[in-house]
Amino acid sequence: MGILPAVSFDRLEARRPGQTRCLTSAERDSCCLFANFVIVRQFLEFVIRQLVDFPDEVVLSEAPSGKATVFRLAMRQTDVGRIIGRNGQTIQAIRTLLASAASRHGERATLEIVE
């Protein structure tokens, strides 16, 4: 069984059956950062899948780039136009939502469309 994070007072603890220990600050920070980007990624996937005709063919990958994370989006060629939108308004709105969601968790994120 894996480690299940649990909040106890002001400390994040890792619990295994029959064992409890406090996480180091580095472990706690990496756990929280990972959890934050899972939330941001799920949000981004939800928004994009609602806009395209073939949501099962959307592939979203992420790559850390310095202080920011770059999300790369691959999909059917016919869906690219729906994501970009007229004069790029839709992709700009998605990028604004992504930046806002990431900043709520103290991070920076950008979105690229891969063809």
N, C-alpha and C. Protein backbone atom coordinates (compact mmCIF):
# COMPACT_ATOMS: atom_id res chain seq x y z
N MET A 1 0.85 -1.17 0.00
CA MET A 1 0.00 0.00 0.00
C MET A 1 0.89 1.23 0.00
N GLY A 2 0.52 2.28 -0.70
CA GLY A 2 1.32 3.49 -0.81
C GLY A 2 1.18 4.40 0.40
N ILE A 3 1.88 5.50 0.33
CA ILE A 3 1.84 6.50 1.40
C ILE A 3 0.62 7.37 1.21
N LEU A 4 -0.16 7.54 2.25
CA LEU A 4 -1.35 8.38 2.19
C LEU A 4 -1.10 9.65 2.99
N PRO A 5 -1.06 10.83 2.35
CA PRO A 5 -0.83 12.05 3.12
C PRO A 5 -2.05 12.39 3.95
N ALA A 6 -1.81 12.86 5.15
CA ALA A 6 -2.89 13.28 6.04
C ALA A 6 -2.43 14.50 6.81
N VAL A 7 -3.32 15.43 7.04
CA VAL A 7 -2.97 16.64 7.76
C VAL A 7 -3.25 16.42 9.24
N SER A 8 -2.25 16.66 10.07
CA SER A 8 -2.41 16.53 11.50
C SER A 8 -1.85 17.79 12.14
N PHE A 9 -2.70 18.60 12.71
CA PHE A 9 -2.35 19.91 13.24
C PHE A 9 -1.72 20.73 12.13
N ASP A 10 -0.47 21.15 12.26
CA ASP A 10 0.18 21.93 11.21
C ASP A 10 1.21 21.10 10.45
N ARG A 11 1.20 19.79 10.64
CA ARG A 11 2.20 18.95 10.00
C ARG A 11 1.54 18.00 9.02
N LEU A 12 2.25 17.71 7.93
CA LEU A 12 1.78 16.73 6.98
C LEU A 12 2.49 15.42 7.32
N GLU A 13 1.74 14.38 7.56
CA GLU A 13 2.32 13.12 7.96
C GLU A 13 2.09 12.07 6.88
N ALA A 14 3.01 11.12 6.80
CA ALA A 14 2.84 9.99 5.90
C ALA A 14 2.43 8.79 6.74
N ARG A 15 1.37 8.11 6.32
CA ARG A 15 0.88 6.99 7.12
C ARG A 15 0.97 5.70 6.33
N ARG A 16 1.60 4.73 6.93
CA ARG A 16 1.61 3.38 6.44
C ARG A 16 0.94 2.54 7.51
N PRO A 17 0.48 1.37 7.17
CA PRO A 17 -0.15 0.55 8.21
C PRO A 17 0.80 0.32 9.38
N GLY A 18 0.41 0.78 10.54
CA GLY A 18 1.21 0.58 11.74
C GLY A 18 2.40 1.51 11.89
N GLN A 19 2.54 2.54 11.04
CA GLN A 19 3.72 3.41 11.10
C GLN A 19 3.31 4.84 10.78
N THR A 20 3.85 5.79 11.54
CA THR A 20 3.60 7.20 11.29
C THR A 20 4.91 7.96 11.42
N ARG A 21 5.18 8.84 10.49
CA ARG A 21 6.36 9.70 10.59
C ARG A 21 6.05 11.04 9.95
N CYS A 22 6.77 12.07 10.35
CA CYS A 22 6.60 13.40 9.77
C CYS A 22 7.41 13.51 8.50
N LEU A 23 6.84 14.16 7.51
CA LEU A 23 7.57 14.40 6.27
C LEU A 23 8.53 15.57 6.46
N THR A 24 9.65 15.52 5.74
CA THR A 24 10.57 16.65 5.75
C THR A 24 9.93 17.78 4.97
N SER A 25 10.47 18.99 5.11
CA SER A 25 9.89 20.12 4.39
C SER A 25 10.02 19.94 2.89
N ALA A 26 11.12 19.33 2.42
CA ALA A 26 11.29 19.10 0.98
C ALA A 26 10.25 18.10 0.47
N GLU A 27 10.00 17.03 1.25
CA GLU A 27 8.99 16.05 0.85
C GLU A 27 7.61 16.69 0.84
N ARG A 28 7.32 17.51 1.83
CA ARG A 28 6.02 18.16 1.92
C ARG A 28 5.82 19.12 0.75
N ASP A 29 6.86 19.90 0.42
CA ASP A 29 6.75 20.85 -0.68
C ASP A 29 6.56 20.14 -2.01
N SER A 30 7.33 19.06 -2.26
CA SER A 30 7.19 18.35 -3.53
C SER A 30 5.83 17.68 -3.62
N CYS A 31 5.32 17.17 -2.52
CA CYS A 31 3.99 16.55 -2.49
C CYS A 31 2.92 17.60 -2.81
N CYS A 32 3.02 18.77 -2.21
CA CYS A 32 2.04 19.82 -2.43
C CYS A 32 2.11 20.36 -3.85
N LEU A 33 3.34 20.54 -4.39
CA LEU A 33 3.48 21.02 -5.76
C LEU A 33 2.89 20.03 -6.73
N PHE A 34 3.15 18.74 -6.50
CA PHE A 34 2.60 17.71 -7.37
C PHE A 34 1.08 17.75 -7.32
N ALA A 35 0.52 17.85 -6.15
CA ALA A 35 -0.94 17.88 -6.00
C ALA A 35 -1.52 19.12 -6.68
N ASN A 36 -0.82 20.26 -6.57
CA ASN A 36 -1.32 21.48 -7.21
C ASN A 36 -1.37 21.33 -8.72
N PHE A 37 -0.32 20.75 -9.32
CA PHE A 37 -0.32 20.62 -10.77
C PHE A 37 -1.28 19.55 -11.25
N VAL A 38 -1.60 18.59 -10.42
CA VAL A 38 -2.63 17.62 -10.79
C VAL A 38 -3.96 18.35 -10.92
N ILE A 39 -4.25 19.25 -10.00
CA ILE A 39 -5.49 20.02 -10.05
C ILE A 39 -5.52 20.91 -11.28
N VAL A 40 -4.42 21.61 -11.56
CA VAL A 40 -4.34 22.50 -12.73
C VAL A 40 -4.48 21.69 -14.01
N ARG A 41 -3.82 20.54 -14.07
CA ARG A 41 -3.89 19.70 -15.26
C ARG A 41 -5.32 19.19 -15.48
N GLN A 42 -5.99 18.74 -14.42
CA GLN A 42 -7.36 18.27 -14.55
C GLN A 42 -8.28 19.39 -15.02
N PHE A 43 -8.07 20.58 -14.50
CA PHE A 43 -8.87 21.74 -14.93
C PHE A 43 -8.67 22.01 -16.42
N LEU A 44 -7.41 22.02 -16.85
CA LEU A 44 -7.09 22.30 -18.25
C LEU A 44 -7.68 21.22 -19.16
N GLU A 45 -7.53 19.95 -18.78
CA GLU A 45 -8.09 18.88 -19.59
C GLU A 45 -9.61 19.00 -19.69
N PHE A 46 -10.27 19.34 -18.60
CA PHE A 46 -11.73 19.49 -18.62
C PHE A 46 -12.15 20.57 -19.61
N VAL A 47 -11.52 21.72 -19.55
CA VAL A 47 -11.88 22.84 -20.43
C VAL A 47 -11.67 22.46 -21.89
N ILE A 48 -10.53 21.85 -22.19
CA ILE A 48 -10.22 21.52 -23.58
C ILE A 48 -11.14 20.43 -24.11
N ARG A 49 -11.39 19.41 -23.31
CA ARG A 49 -12.25 18.31 -23.76
C ARG A 49 -13.69 18.77 -24.01
N GLN A 50 -14.13 19.81 -23.36
CA GLN A 50 -15.47 20.33 -23.59
C GLN A 50 -15.58 21.06 -24.93
N LEU A 51 -14.45 21.53 -25.45
CA LEU A 51 -14.47 22.33 -26.68
C LEU A 51 -14.29 21.53 -27.96
N VAL A 52 -13.65 20.38 -27.90
CA VAL A 52 -13.28 19.65 -29.11
C VAL A 52 -14.35 18.63 -29.48
N ASP A 53 -14.33 18.19 -30.76
CA ASP A 53 -15.26 17.18 -31.25
C ASP A 53 -14.83 15.76 -30.87
N PHE A 54 -13.52 15.54 -30.73
CA PHE A 54 -12.99 14.22 -30.40
C PHE A 54 -12.18 14.30 -29.10
N PRO A 55 -12.85 14.33 -27.94
CA PRO A 55 -12.15 14.50 -26.68
C PRO A 55 -11.24 13.34 -26.30
N ASP A 56 -11.51 12.14 -26.83
CA ASP A 56 -10.67 10.99 -26.50
C ASP A 56 -9.30 11.06 -27.16
N GLU A 57 -9.15 11.90 -28.19
CA GLU A 57 -7.88 12.00 -28.90
C GLU A 57 -7.03 13.17 -28.42
N VAL A 58 -7.44 13.84 -27.38
CA VAL A 58 -6.67 14.95 -26.81
C VAL A 58 -5.56 14.36 -25.95
N VAL A 59 -4.32 14.79 -26.19
CA VAL A 59 -3.18 14.35 -25.40
C VAL A 59 -2.54 15.59 -24.79
N LEU A 60 -2.51 15.63 -23.47
CA LEU A 60 -1.93 16.75 -22.75
C LEU A 60 -0.71 16.26 -21.98
N SER A 61 0.45 16.82 -22.29
CA SER A 61 1.67 16.46 -21.56
C SER A 61 2.23 17.72 -20.92
N GLU A 62 3.06 17.52 -19.91
CA GLU A 62 3.65 18.66 -19.22
C GLU A 62 5.14 18.47 -19.08
N ALA A 63 5.85 19.59 -19.14
CA ALA A 63 7.30 19.56 -19.01
C ALA A 63 7.73 20.76 -18.17
N PRO A 64 8.45 20.51 -17.09
CA PRO A 64 8.93 21.64 -16.29
C PRO A 64 9.97 22.43 -17.07
N SER A 65 9.87 23.74 -16.98
CA SER A 65 10.79 24.62 -17.70
C SER A 65 11.18 25.76 -16.77
N GLY A 66 12.23 25.54 -15.98
CA GLY A 66 12.65 26.55 -15.02
C GLY A 66 11.62 26.71 -13.93
N LYS A 67 11.12 27.92 -13.75
CA LYS A 67 10.13 28.19 -12.72
C LYS A 67 8.70 27.95 -13.19
N ALA A 68 8.53 27.63 -14.45
CA ALA A 68 7.19 27.43 -15.01
C ALA A 68 7.04 26.00 -15.51
N THR A 69 5.82 25.62 -15.77
CA THR A 69 5.51 24.33 -16.38
C THR A 69 4.86 24.61 -17.72
N VAL A 70 5.33 23.91 -18.74
CA VAL A 70 4.79 24.07 -20.09
C VAL A 70 3.90 22.87 -20.37
N PHE A 71 2.63 23.13 -20.63
CA PHE A 71 1.69 22.09 -21.03
C PHE A 71 1.66 22.06 -22.55
N ARG A 72 1.85 20.86 -23.12
CA ARG A 72 1.82 20.69 -24.57
C ARG A 72 0.56 19.92 -24.94
N LEU A 73 -0.17 20.46 -25.90
CA LEU A 73 -1.46 19.92 -26.27
C LEU A 73 -1.40 19.38 -27.69
N ALA A 74 -1.73 18.09 -27.85
CA ALA A 74 -1.80 17.46 -29.17
C ALA A 74 -3.22 16.94 -29.36
N MET A 75 -3.75 17.11 -30.58
CA MET A 75 -5.11 16.67 -30.87
C MET A 75 -5.27 16.53 -32.38
N ARG A 76 -6.46 16.14 -32.81
CA ARG A 76 -6.76 16.06 -34.23
C ARG A 76 -6.63 17.42 -34.88
N GLN A 77 -6.22 17.41 -36.12
CA GLN A 77 -6.04 18.66 -36.86
C GLN A 77 -7.35 19.43 -36.97
N THR A 78 -8.46 18.72 -37.08
CA THR A 78 -9.75 19.40 -37.21
C THR A 78 -10.16 20.12 -35.93
N ASP A 79 -9.65 19.67 -34.80
CA ASP A 79 -9.98 20.30 -33.52
C ASP A 79 -9.08 21.49 -33.18
N VAL A 80 -7.96 21.61 -33.87
CA VAL A 80 -7.04 22.71 -33.58
C VAL A 80 -7.72 24.06 -33.80
N GLY A 81 -8.49 24.17 -34.87
CA GLY A 81 -9.19 25.42 -35.15
C GLY A 81 -10.21 25.78 -34.08
N ARG A 82 -10.85 24.77 -33.51
CA ARG A 82 -11.81 25.04 -32.44
C ARG A 82 -11.12 25.56 -31.19
N ILE A 83 -9.92 25.06 -30.91
CA ILE A 83 -9.18 25.50 -29.72
C ILE A 83 -8.60 26.89 -29.94
N ILE A 84 -8.11 27.16 -31.14
CA ILE A 84 -7.53 28.48 -31.41
C ILE A 84 -8.63 29.54 -31.46
N GLY A 85 -9.72 29.24 -32.13
CA GLY A 85 -10.84 30.18 -32.19
C GLY A 85 -10.61 31.31 -33.17
N ARG A 86 -11.61 32.15 -33.29
CA ARG A 86 -11.53 33.27 -34.21
C ARG A 86 -10.54 34.30 -33.68
N ASN A 87 -9.55 34.62 -34.50
CA ASN A 87 -8.48 35.57 -34.14
C ASN A 87 -7.72 35.16 -32.87
N GLY A 88 -7.74 33.86 -32.55
CA GLY A 88 -7.00 33.38 -31.39
C GLY A 88 -7.62 33.71 -30.05
N GLN A 89 -8.89 34.10 -30.06
CA GLN A 89 -9.53 34.50 -28.81
C GLN A 89 -9.73 33.33 -27.85
N THR A 90 -10.06 32.15 -28.38
CA THR A 90 -10.31 31.00 -27.50
C THR A 90 -9.03 30.53 -26.83
N ILE A 91 -7.95 30.39 -27.59
CA ILE A 91 -6.68 29.94 -26.99
C ILE A 91 -6.17 30.97 -25.99
N GLN A 92 -6.38 32.24 -26.28
CA GLN A 92 -5.96 33.28 -25.34
C GLN A 92 -6.75 33.19 -24.05
N ALA A 93 -8.06 32.90 -24.15
CA ALA A 93 -8.88 32.74 -22.95
C ALA A 93 -8.45 31.51 -22.15
N ILE A 94 -8.13 30.40 -22.84
CA ILE A 94 -7.67 29.19 -22.15
C ILE A 94 -6.35 29.47 -21.45
N ARG A 95 -5.43 30.17 -22.12
CA ARG A 95 -4.14 30.49 -21.50
C ARG A 95 -4.32 31.40 -20.28
N THR A 96 -5.27 32.32 -20.35
CA THR A 96 -5.55 33.20 -19.21
C THR A 96 -6.10 32.39 -18.04
N LEU A 97 -7.03 31.47 -18.32
CA LEU A 97 -7.56 30.60 -17.26
C LEU A 97 -6.47 29.73 -16.65
N LEU A 98 -5.58 29.20 -17.50
CA LEU A 98 -4.48 28.37 -17.02
C LEU A 98 -3.54 29.17 -16.13
N ALA A 99 -3.18 30.37 -16.55
CA ALA A 99 -2.29 31.22 -15.75
C ALA A 99 -2.94 31.57 -14.41
N SER A 100 -4.24 31.82 -14.43
CA SER A 100 -4.95 32.15 -13.21
C SER A 100 -5.01 30.95 -12.26
N ALA A 101 -5.33 29.78 -12.80
CA ALA A 101 -5.39 28.57 -11.97
C ALA A 101 -4.03 28.23 -11.38
N ALA A 102 -2.98 28.38 -12.17
CA ALA A 102 -1.63 28.08 -11.68
C ALA A 102 -1.20 29.10 -10.62
N SER A 103 -1.53 30.36 -10.82
CA SER A 103 -1.12 31.38 -9.87
C SER A 103 -1.83 31.22 -8.53
N ARG A 104 -3.02 30.65 -8.53
CA ARG A 104 -3.72 30.38 -7.26
C ARG A 104 -2.94 29.40 -6.39
N HIS A 105 -2.12 28.58 -7.06
CA HIS A 105 -1.30 27.61 -6.34
C HIS A 105 0.16 28.03 -6.29
N GLY A 106 0.43 29.30 -6.62
CA GLY A 106 1.79 29.82 -6.52
C GLY A 106 2.72 29.34 -7.62
N GLU A 107 2.19 28.98 -8.76
CA GLU A 107 3.00 28.46 -9.86
C GLU A 107 2.77 29.27 -11.12
N ARG A 108 3.58 28.99 -12.15
CA ARG A 108 3.40 29.59 -13.46
C ARG A 108 3.25 28.47 -14.47
N ALA A 109 2.39 28.67 -15.45
CA ALA A 109 2.16 27.64 -16.46
C ALA A 109 1.81 28.29 -17.79
N THR A 110 2.23 27.64 -18.87
CA THR A 110 1.91 28.09 -20.21
C THR A 110 1.37 26.91 -21.01
N LEU A 111 0.72 27.20 -22.13
CA LEU A 111 0.13 26.18 -22.98
C LEU A 111 0.64 26.34 -24.40
N GLU A 112 1.10 25.23 -24.99
CA GLU A 112 1.54 25.21 -26.39
C GLU A 112 0.72 24.17 -27.13
N ILE A 113 0.39 24.46 -28.37
CA ILE A 113 -0.30 23.48 -29.22
C ILE A 113 0.74 22.83 -30.11
N VAL A 114 0.82 21.51 -30.04
CA VAL A 114 1.78 20.73 -30.84
C VAL A 114 1.02 20.17 -32.03
N GLU A 115 1.56 20.38 -33.22
CA GLU A 115 0.89 19.86 -34.42
C GLU A 115 1.62 18.67 -34.96
